N, C-alpha and C. Protein backbone atom coordinates (compact mmCIF):
# COMPACT_ATOMS: atom_id res chain seq x y z
N UNK A 1 0.76 -1.27 -0.29
CA UNK A 1 -0.01 -0.10 0.21
C UNK A 1 1.11 1.35 -0.10
N UNK A 2 1.81 1.20 0.70
CA UNK A 2 2.94 2.46 1.04
C UNK A 2 3.43 2.69 -0.63
N UNK A 3 4.09 1.19 -1.78
CA UNK A 3 4.25 1.82 -2.99
C UNK A 3 3.52 2.62 -3.68
N UNK A 4 1.93 1.89 -3.20
CA UNK A 4 1.22 2.46 -4.36
C UNK A 4 0.79 4.23 -4.08
N UNK A 5 0.88 4.41 -2.38
CA UNK A 5 0.60 5.87 -2.45
C UNK A 5 1.95 7.02 -2.91
N UNK A 6 3.12 6.04 -2.36
CA UNK A 6 4.50 6.69 -2.87
C UNK A 6 3.95 6.99 -4.83
N UNK A 7 3.92 6.15 -5.67
CA UNK A 7 3.90 5.77 -6.98
C UNK A 7 2.48 7.34 -7.68
N UNK A 8 1.95 7.11 -6.61
CA UNK A 8 0.49 7.89 -6.80
C UNK A 8 0.78 9.45 -6.57
N UNK A 9 1.69 9.83 -5.38
CA UNK A 9 2.14 11.20 -5.16
C UNK A 9 3.38 11.46 -5.95
N UNK A 10 4.27 10.78 -6.73
CA UNK A 10 5.37 10.53 -7.43
C UNK A 10 4.68 11.48 -9.00
N UNK A 11 3.31 10.33 -9.33
CA UNK A 11 2.40 10.99 -10.36
C UNK A 11 2.03 12.24 -10.29
N UNK A 12 1.62 12.92 -9.17
CA UNK A 12 1.05 14.17 -9.51
C UNK A 12 1.52 15.13 -9.25
N UNK A 13 3.10 15.07 -8.46
CA UNK A 13 3.90 15.88 -8.57
C UNK A 13 4.72 15.98 -10.28
N UNK A 14 4.53 14.85 -10.96
CA UNK A 14 5.40 14.84 -12.15
C UNK A 14 4.66 15.93 -12.99
N UNK A 15 2.59 15.52 -13.07
CA UNK A 15 2.18 16.00 -13.76
C UNK A 15 1.92 17.68 -13.35
N UNK A 16 2.29 18.42 -12.12
CA UNK A 16 2.22 19.52 -12.03
C UNK A 16 3.65 20.47 -12.14
N UNK A 17 4.63 19.29 -12.20
CA UNK A 17 5.64 20.38 -12.79
C UNK A 17 5.77 21.10 -14.06
N UNK A 18 6.27 22.12 -13.59
CA UNK A 18 6.71 23.10 -14.98
C UNK A 18 7.74 23.70 -15.42
N UNK A 19 8.25 23.47 -16.79
CA UNK A 19 9.29 23.45 -17.35
C UNK A 19 9.49 25.25 -16.94
N UNK A 20 10.55 25.51 -16.93
CA UNK A 20 11.29 27.00 -17.12
C UNK A 20 12.50 27.34 -17.97
N UNK A 21 12.10 27.61 -19.14
CA UNK A 21 13.18 27.81 -19.91
C UNK A 21 13.23 29.14 -20.67
N UNK A 22 14.10 29.81 -21.61
CA UNK A 22 14.00 30.74 -22.20
C UNK A 22 13.00 30.73 -23.77
N UNK A 23 12.51 31.59 -24.00
CA UNK A 23 11.45 31.89 -25.07
C UNK A 23 12.47 31.40 -26.54
N UNK A 24 11.98 31.16 -27.47
CA UNK A 24 13.43 31.21 -28.77
C UNK A 24 13.25 32.67 -29.19
N UNK A 25 12.11 33.38 -28.81
CA UNK A 25 12.02 34.87 -29.41
C UNK A 25 10.72 35.18 -29.05
N UNK A 26 10.69 36.82 -29.05
CA UNK A 26 9.46 37.31 -28.81
C UNK A 26 8.33 37.34 -28.99
N UNK A 27 7.13 37.31 -29.13
CA UNK A 27 5.99 36.75 -29.86
C UNK A 27 4.77 36.99 -28.90
N UNK A 28 3.68 37.35 -29.94
CA UNK A 28 2.17 37.29 -29.62
C UNK A 28 1.27 36.60 -30.01
N UNK A 29 0.47 35.67 -29.46
CA UNK A 29 -0.30 34.98 -30.34
C UNK A 29 -1.94 35.91 -30.37
N UNK A 30 -2.23 35.41 -31.47
CA UNK A 30 -3.46 36.33 -32.14
C UNK A 30 -4.19 35.16 -32.90
N UNK A 31 -5.43 34.88 -32.72
CA UNK A 31 -6.26 34.20 -33.47
C UNK A 31 -5.79 32.80 -33.55
N UNK A 32 -4.97 32.37 -32.83
CA UNK A 32 -4.57 30.89 -33.11
C UNK A 32 -3.11 30.87 -33.72
N UNK A 33 -2.85 32.06 -34.08
CA UNK A 33 -1.23 31.97 -35.22
C UNK A 33 -0.46 32.84 -34.08
N UNK A 34 0.72 32.32 -34.42
CA UNK A 34 2.14 32.80 -33.64
C UNK A 34 2.61 34.11 -34.83
N UNK A 35 2.90 35.50 -34.09
CA UNK A 35 3.44 36.60 -34.34
C UNK A 35 4.64 37.06 -33.53
N UNK A 36 5.79 36.79 -34.42
CA UNK A 36 7.17 37.38 -33.95
C UNK A 36 7.25 38.69 -33.77
N UNK A 37 7.61 39.51 -32.74
CA UNK A 37 7.53 40.81 -32.43
C UNK A 37 9.08 41.17 -33.26
N UNK A 38 9.07 42.28 -34.17
CA UNK A 38 10.16 42.42 -34.99
C UNK A 38 10.74 43.67 -34.14
N UNK A 39 10.15 44.30 -33.39
CA UNK A 39 10.55 45.88 -33.00
C UNK A 39 10.46 46.92 -33.89
N UNK A 40 10.48 46.43 -35.21
CA UNK A 40 9.91 47.65 -36.11
C UNK A 40 8.79 48.82 -35.96
N UNK A 41 9.06 49.72 -35.74
CA UNK A 41 8.00 50.89 -35.19
C UNK A 41 6.95 50.71 -36.57
N UNK A 42 5.87 51.33 -36.31
CA UNK A 42 4.83 51.43 -37.18
C UNK A 42 3.98 52.79 -36.82
N UNK A 43 3.92 53.45 -38.03
CA UNK A 43 3.46 54.98 -37.96
C UNK A 43 2.09 54.56 -37.10
N UNK A 44 1.45 55.47 -36.70
CA UNK A 44 0.29 55.32 -36.34
C UNK A 44 -1.00 55.84 -37.24
N UNK A 45 -0.60 56.51 -37.99
CA UNK A 45 -1.19 56.82 -39.33
C UNK A 45 -1.80 55.68 -39.89
N UNK A 46 -0.80 54.45 -39.68
CA UNK A 46 -1.26 53.05 -40.58
C UNK A 46 -1.76 52.12 -39.67
N UNK A 47 -2.38 52.51 -38.24
CA UNK A 47 -2.87 51.27 -37.47
C UNK A 47 -4.38 51.83 -38.01
N UNK A 48 -5.16 50.49 -37.99
CA UNK A 48 -6.67 50.04 -38.37
C UNK A 48 -7.19 49.82 -37.32
N UNK A 49 -8.20 48.88 -37.04
CA UNK A 49 -9.15 48.74 -36.23
C UNK A 49 -8.19 47.39 -34.96
N UNK A 50 -8.88 47.55 -33.85
CA UNK A 50 -8.22 46.86 -33.04
C UNK A 50 -8.75 45.74 -33.05
N UNK A 51 -7.81 44.66 -33.07
CA UNK A 51 -7.94 43.24 -33.30
C UNK A 51 -8.63 42.32 -32.38
N UNK A 52 -7.63 42.56 -31.13
CA UNK A 52 -7.46 42.05 -29.76
C UNK A 52 -6.56 42.09 -28.69
N UNK A 53 -6.72 41.66 -28.02
CA UNK A 53 -5.81 42.29 -27.16
C UNK A 53 -5.03 40.97 -26.21
N UNK A 54 -4.17 41.11 -25.63
CA UNK A 54 -3.34 39.97 -24.66
C UNK A 54 -4.22 39.52 -23.46
N UNK A 55 -4.34 38.21 -23.52
CA UNK A 55 -5.27 37.65 -22.57
C UNK A 55 -4.58 36.86 -21.89
N UNK A 56 -3.64 36.56 -21.69
CA UNK A 56 -2.31 35.96 -20.60
C UNK A 56 -1.07 36.20 -21.12
N UNK A 57 -0.30 36.30 -20.23
CA UNK A 57 1.26 36.44 -20.23
C UNK A 57 1.95 35.98 -19.34
N UNK A 58 2.87 34.91 -19.50
CA UNK A 58 3.86 34.55 -19.01
C UNK A 58 5.18 34.36 -19.56
N UNK A 59 6.28 34.77 -18.59
CA UNK A 59 7.64 34.51 -19.25
C UNK A 59 8.48 33.06 -18.98
N UNK A 60 7.27 31.97 -18.81
CA UNK A 60 7.76 30.39 -18.35
C UNK A 60 7.34 29.38 -19.79
N UNK A 61 8.12 28.88 -20.01
CA UNK A 61 7.90 28.32 -21.58
C UNK A 61 6.87 27.33 -21.22
N UNK A 62 5.91 27.36 -22.07
CA UNK A 62 4.48 26.37 -21.99
C UNK A 62 3.64 26.86 -23.02
N UNK A 63 3.08 26.15 -22.97
CA UNK A 63 1.70 26.28 -24.03
C UNK A 63 0.26 26.75 -23.02
N UNK A 64 -0.16 27.92 -23.78
CA UNK A 64 -0.96 28.65 -22.85
C UNK A 64 -2.22 28.71 -24.33
N UNK A 65 -3.66 28.85 -23.42
CA UNK A 65 -4.58 29.25 -24.46
C UNK A 65 -4.48 30.77 -24.68
N UNK A 66 -5.68 31.17 -25.59
CA UNK A 66 -5.84 32.53 -25.89
C UNK A 66 -4.78 33.33 -26.47
N UNK A 67 -5.27 34.73 -26.47
CA UNK A 67 -4.13 35.35 -27.06
C UNK A 67 -3.07 35.68 -26.05
N UNK A 68 -1.98 35.24 -26.52
CA UNK A 68 -0.76 35.19 -25.10
C UNK A 68 0.25 35.76 -25.59
N UNK A 69 0.95 36.29 -24.80
CA UNK A 69 2.44 36.87 -25.03
C UNK A 69 3.45 36.04 -24.15
N UNK A 70 4.80 36.44 -24.41
CA UNK A 70 5.62 35.95 -23.85
C UNK A 70 6.54 37.54 -23.46
N UNK A 71 6.14 38.85 -24.27
CA UNK A 71 6.70 39.83 -23.62
C UNK A 71 5.67 41.00 -23.08
N UNK A 72 4.31 41.26 -24.11
CA UNK A 72 3.01 42.18 -23.20
C UNK A 72 2.52 41.43 -22.28
N UNK A 73 2.03 42.60 -21.19
CA UNK A 73 0.83 42.12 -20.19
C UNK A 73 -0.15 42.00 -20.46
N UNK A 74 -0.96 41.52 -19.60
CA UNK A 74 -2.41 41.43 -20.12
C UNK A 74 -3.02 42.76 -20.74
N UNK A 75 -4.15 42.75 -21.47
CA UNK A 75 -4.73 43.67 -21.90
C UNK A 75 -3.82 44.72 -22.74
N UNK A 76 -2.76 44.53 -23.50
CA UNK A 76 -2.06 44.85 -24.13
C UNK A 76 -2.86 44.43 -25.61
N UNK A 77 -3.00 45.69 -26.65
CA UNK A 77 -3.83 45.52 -27.81
C UNK A 77 -3.17 45.34 -29.02
N UNK A 78 -4.01 44.31 -29.67
CA UNK A 78 -3.42 44.14 -31.05
C UNK A 78 -4.13 45.07 -32.05
N UNK A 79 -3.62 45.48 -33.36
CA UNK A 79 -4.56 46.49 -34.45
C UNK A 79 -3.95 45.70 -35.90
N UNK A 80 -4.75 46.25 -36.62
CA UNK A 80 -4.18 45.86 -37.80
C UNK A 80 -3.67 46.93 -38.44
N UNK A 81 -2.90 47.03 -39.58
CA UNK A 81 -2.01 47.40 -40.00
C UNK A 81 -2.66 47.58 -41.35
N UNK A 82 -3.20 48.89 -41.68
CA UNK A 82 -3.94 49.49 -42.95
C UNK A 82 -3.35 48.89 -44.40
N UNK A 83 -3.76 47.68 -45.10
CA UNK A 83 -3.06 47.85 -46.48
C UNK A 83 -2.06 46.41 -46.24
N UNK A 84 -2.45 45.38 -44.48
CA UNK A 84 -1.79 44.57 -44.78
C UNK A 84 -2.52 43.50 -43.82
N UNK A 85 -2.67 42.20 -44.55
CA UNK A 85 -3.72 41.54 -43.84
C UNK A 85 -3.03 40.79 -42.88
N UNK A 86 -4.24 41.18 -41.88
CA UNK A 86 -3.93 40.47 -40.41
C UNK A 86 -2.89 39.38 -40.55
N UNK A 87 -3.02 38.27 -41.51
CA UNK A 87 -2.66 36.68 -41.83
C UNK A 87 -1.39 37.08 -41.81
N UNK A 88 -1.01 38.25 -41.96
CA UNK A 88 0.54 38.37 -42.34
C UNK A 88 1.29 38.99 -41.39
N UNK A 89 0.71 40.53 -40.70
CA UNK A 89 1.21 41.25 -39.94
C UNK A 89 0.39 41.95 -39.23
N UNK A 90 1.00 41.92 -38.06
CA UNK A 90 -0.25 42.91 -36.79
C UNK A 90 0.37 44.02 -36.43
N UNK A 91 0.01 44.89 -35.66
CA UNK A 91 1.00 45.65 -34.92
C UNK A 91 0.61 45.82 -33.47
N UNK A 92 0.94 45.54 -32.63
CA UNK A 92 1.04 45.54 -30.89
C UNK A 92 1.58 47.12 -30.28
N UNK A 93 0.53 47.33 -29.57
CA UNK A 93 0.44 48.97 -28.95
C UNK A 93 1.41 48.73 -27.97
N UNK A 94 2.10 49.10 -27.94
CA UNK A 94 3.59 49.26 -26.67
C UNK A 94 3.30 50.73 -25.69
N UNK A 95 2.53 51.77 -26.23
CA UNK A 95 2.69 52.70 -25.32
C UNK A 95 1.31 53.87 -25.81
N UNK A 96 1.46 54.83 -25.47
CA UNK A 96 0.57 55.60 -25.93
C UNK A 96 -0.08 55.82 -27.27
N UNK A 97 1.13 56.24 -28.06
CA UNK A 97 0.87 56.20 -29.50
C UNK A 97 1.89 55.29 -30.41
N UNK A 98 2.43 54.72 -29.74
CA UNK A 98 3.59 53.95 -30.25
C UNK A 98 3.32 52.24 -30.47
N UNK A 99 3.54 51.92 -31.69
CA UNK A 99 3.10 50.32 -32.23
C UNK A 99 4.17 49.77 -32.72
N UNK A 100 4.23 48.50 -32.97
CA UNK A 100 5.76 47.82 -32.97
C UNK A 100 4.43 46.61 -34.14
N UNK A 101 5.88 46.37 -35.31
CA UNK A 101 5.07 45.50 -35.75
C UNK A 101 5.33 44.11 -35.44
N UNK A 102 4.47 42.68 -35.32
CA UNK A 102 4.60 41.38 -35.31
C UNK A 102 4.19 40.73 -36.38
N UNK A 103 4.99 39.83 -36.86
CA UNK A 103 4.90 38.87 -38.72
C UNK A 103 4.39 37.77 -38.02
N UNK A 104 3.27 37.17 -38.93
CA UNK A 104 3.06 35.51 -38.59
C UNK A 104 4.22 34.51 -39.07
N UNK A 105 4.54 33.72 -38.39
CA UNK A 105 5.28 32.69 -38.31
C UNK A 105 4.43 30.98 -38.35
N UNK A 106 3.17 31.17 -38.27
CA UNK A 106 2.69 30.05 -38.40
C UNK A 106 1.80 29.78 -37.50
N UNK A 107 1.16 28.70 -36.98
CA UNK A 107 -0.08 28.23 -35.88
C UNK A 107 0.67 28.10 -34.66
N UNK A 108 -0.32 28.73 -33.69
CA UNK A 108 0.44 28.44 -32.42
C UNK A 108 -0.02 26.86 -32.00
N UNK A 109 0.84 26.26 -30.95
CA UNK A 109 0.94 24.96 -30.78
C UNK A 109 0.39 25.06 -29.37
N UNK A 110 -1.02 26.00 -29.15
CA UNK A 110 -1.30 26.01 -27.70
C UNK A 110 -2.08 24.51 -27.29
N UNK A 111 -2.47 24.78 -26.02
CA UNK A 111 -3.38 23.33 -25.72
C UNK A 111 -4.45 23.24 -26.87
N UNK A 112 -4.66 21.90 -27.19
CA UNK A 112 -5.52 21.66 -28.07
C UNK A 112 -7.19 21.45 -27.70
N UNK A 113 -7.40 21.52 -26.29
CA UNK A 113 -8.82 21.23 -25.75
C UNK A 113 -8.99 22.51 -24.80
N UNK A 114 -9.87 22.82 -24.29
CA UNK A 114 -10.18 24.08 -23.50
C UNK A 114 -10.02 23.41 -22.15
N UNK A 115 -9.60 24.63 -21.48
CA UNK A 115 -9.14 24.68 -19.89
C UNK A 115 -10.07 23.67 -19.46
N UNK A 116 -10.97 23.74 -19.08
CA UNK A 116 -12.37 23.07 -18.51
C UNK A 116 -11.86 21.14 -18.85
N UNK A 117 -11.16 21.10 -20.09
CA UNK A 117 -11.05 19.74 -20.18
C UNK A 117 -9.89 19.04 -19.17
N UNK A 118 -9.04 19.80 -19.12
CA UNK A 118 -7.72 19.24 -18.86
C UNK A 118 -8.51 19.03 -17.05
N UNK A 119 -9.15 20.42 -16.78
CA UNK A 119 -9.35 19.87 -15.26
C UNK A 119 -10.45 18.76 -15.26
N UNK A 120 -11.18 18.35 -16.04
CA UNK A 120 -11.90 16.93 -16.09
C UNK A 120 -10.93 16.13 -16.09
N UNK A 121 -10.03 15.54 -17.19
CA UNK A 121 -9.20 14.80 -17.44
C UNK A 121 -8.05 14.53 -15.82
N UNK A 122 -7.77 15.50 -14.99
CA UNK A 122 -7.15 15.44 -13.58
C UNK A 122 -8.15 14.52 -12.99
N UNK A 123 -9.52 15.26 -12.81
CA UNK A 123 -10.34 14.82 -12.08
C UNK A 123 -10.64 13.25 -12.19
N UNK A 124 -10.66 12.86 -13.57
CA UNK A 124 -11.08 11.36 -13.98
C UNK A 124 -9.45 10.70 -13.67
N UNK A 125 -8.40 11.09 -13.37
CA UNK A 125 -7.73 10.42 -12.84
C UNK A 125 -7.67 10.15 -11.60
N UNK A 126 -7.57 11.37 -10.78
CA UNK A 126 -7.74 10.86 -9.44
C UNK A 126 -9.12 10.17 -9.06
N UNK A 127 -9.91 9.80 -9.59
CA UNK A 127 -11.20 9.33 -9.40
C UNK A 127 -10.54 7.98 -9.53
N UNK A 128 -9.72 7.45 -10.44
CA UNK A 128 -9.40 6.56 -10.79
C UNK A 128 -8.74 5.85 -10.01
N UNK A 129 -7.67 6.65 -9.48
CA UNK A 129 -6.41 6.45 -8.72
C UNK A 129 -7.30 5.89 -7.40
N UNK A 130 -8.21 6.73 -7.05
CA UNK A 130 -8.99 6.45 -5.73
C UNK A 130 -9.83 5.19 -5.65
N UNK A 131 -10.53 4.64 -7.03
CA UNK A 131 -10.97 3.34 -7.12
C UNK A 131 -10.41 2.40 -7.35
N UNK A 132 -9.11 2.69 -7.65
CA UNK A 132 -7.86 1.77 -7.49
C UNK A 132 -7.54 1.48 -5.90
N UNK A 133 -7.04 2.54 -5.39
CA UNK A 133 -6.76 2.19 -3.93
C UNK A 133 -7.97 1.61 -2.94
N UNK A 134 -9.27 2.08 -3.16
CA UNK A 134 -10.28 1.26 -2.62
C UNK A 134 -10.47 0.18 -3.01
N UNK A 135 -10.43 -0.57 -4.24
CA UNK A 135 -10.37 -1.85 -4.49
C UNK A 135 -9.36 -2.51 -4.02
N UNK A 136 -8.15 -1.98 -4.16
CA UNK A 136 -6.56 -2.89 -3.32
C UNK A 136 -7.18 -3.16 -2.00
N UNK A 137 -7.55 -1.97 -1.26
CA UNK A 137 -7.62 -2.15 0.29
C UNK A 137 -8.49 -2.77 0.68
N UNK A 138 -9.77 -3.08 -0.22
CA UNK A 138 -10.71 -4.30 0.07
C UNK A 138 -10.30 -5.65 -0.27
N UNK A 139 -9.77 -5.58 -1.11
CA UNK A 139 -9.02 -7.05 -1.50
C UNK A 139 -7.97 -7.56 -0.50
N UNK A 140 -7.39 -6.91 0.19
CA UNK A 140 -6.20 -6.66 0.83
C UNK A 140 -6.82 -7.55 2.53
N UNK A 141 -7.94 -6.64 2.91
CA UNK A 141 -8.92 -7.07 4.30
C UNK A 141 -9.60 -8.26 4.26
N UNK A 142 -9.98 -8.47 2.73
CA UNK A 142 -10.67 -9.86 2.87
C UNK A 142 -9.91 -10.71 2.88
N UNK A 143 -8.60 -11.14 2.37
CA UNK A 143 -7.47 -11.77 2.57
C UNK A 143 -6.56 -11.72 3.32
N UNK A 144 -7.02 -11.44 4.45
CA UNK A 144 -5.71 -11.45 5.99
C UNK A 144 -5.82 -12.72 6.08
N UNK A 145 -4.71 -13.33 6.88
CA UNK A 145 -4.60 -14.46 7.43
C UNK A 145 -5.49 -13.86 8.64
N UNK A 146 -6.30 -15.11 9.34
CA UNK A 146 -6.73 -15.04 10.65
C UNK A 146 -6.21 -15.44 11.87
């Protein structure tokens, strides 16, 4: 029983461990696409409508959902650049009237499911582990020598 409990604890420590590393480049995620921040300034007269905003920031390497950034804080806005498709480039607002260009690099490899599905998976694993421990304990109490 002690071995089973130890394995159970190690399993949960393993799945909750975060990896910390440096990102390959500075980026934002918009509409499931990764955009590399170039640092090239975009004149405010070339800025079109607001496309979205950063919904999550982290400087820890990993995969996150939503309009994520490893550079800009939550709330930073994305805008279209007049005459350029948002599938190619967008502008990221960095100050009162300052914008930098971000170029599309491909689809973002974020989480496949919704955040609720992750918690549901953890709950199912925990319930299965609890059921396994229950049946193991029940089996041992039935077959104890008298």
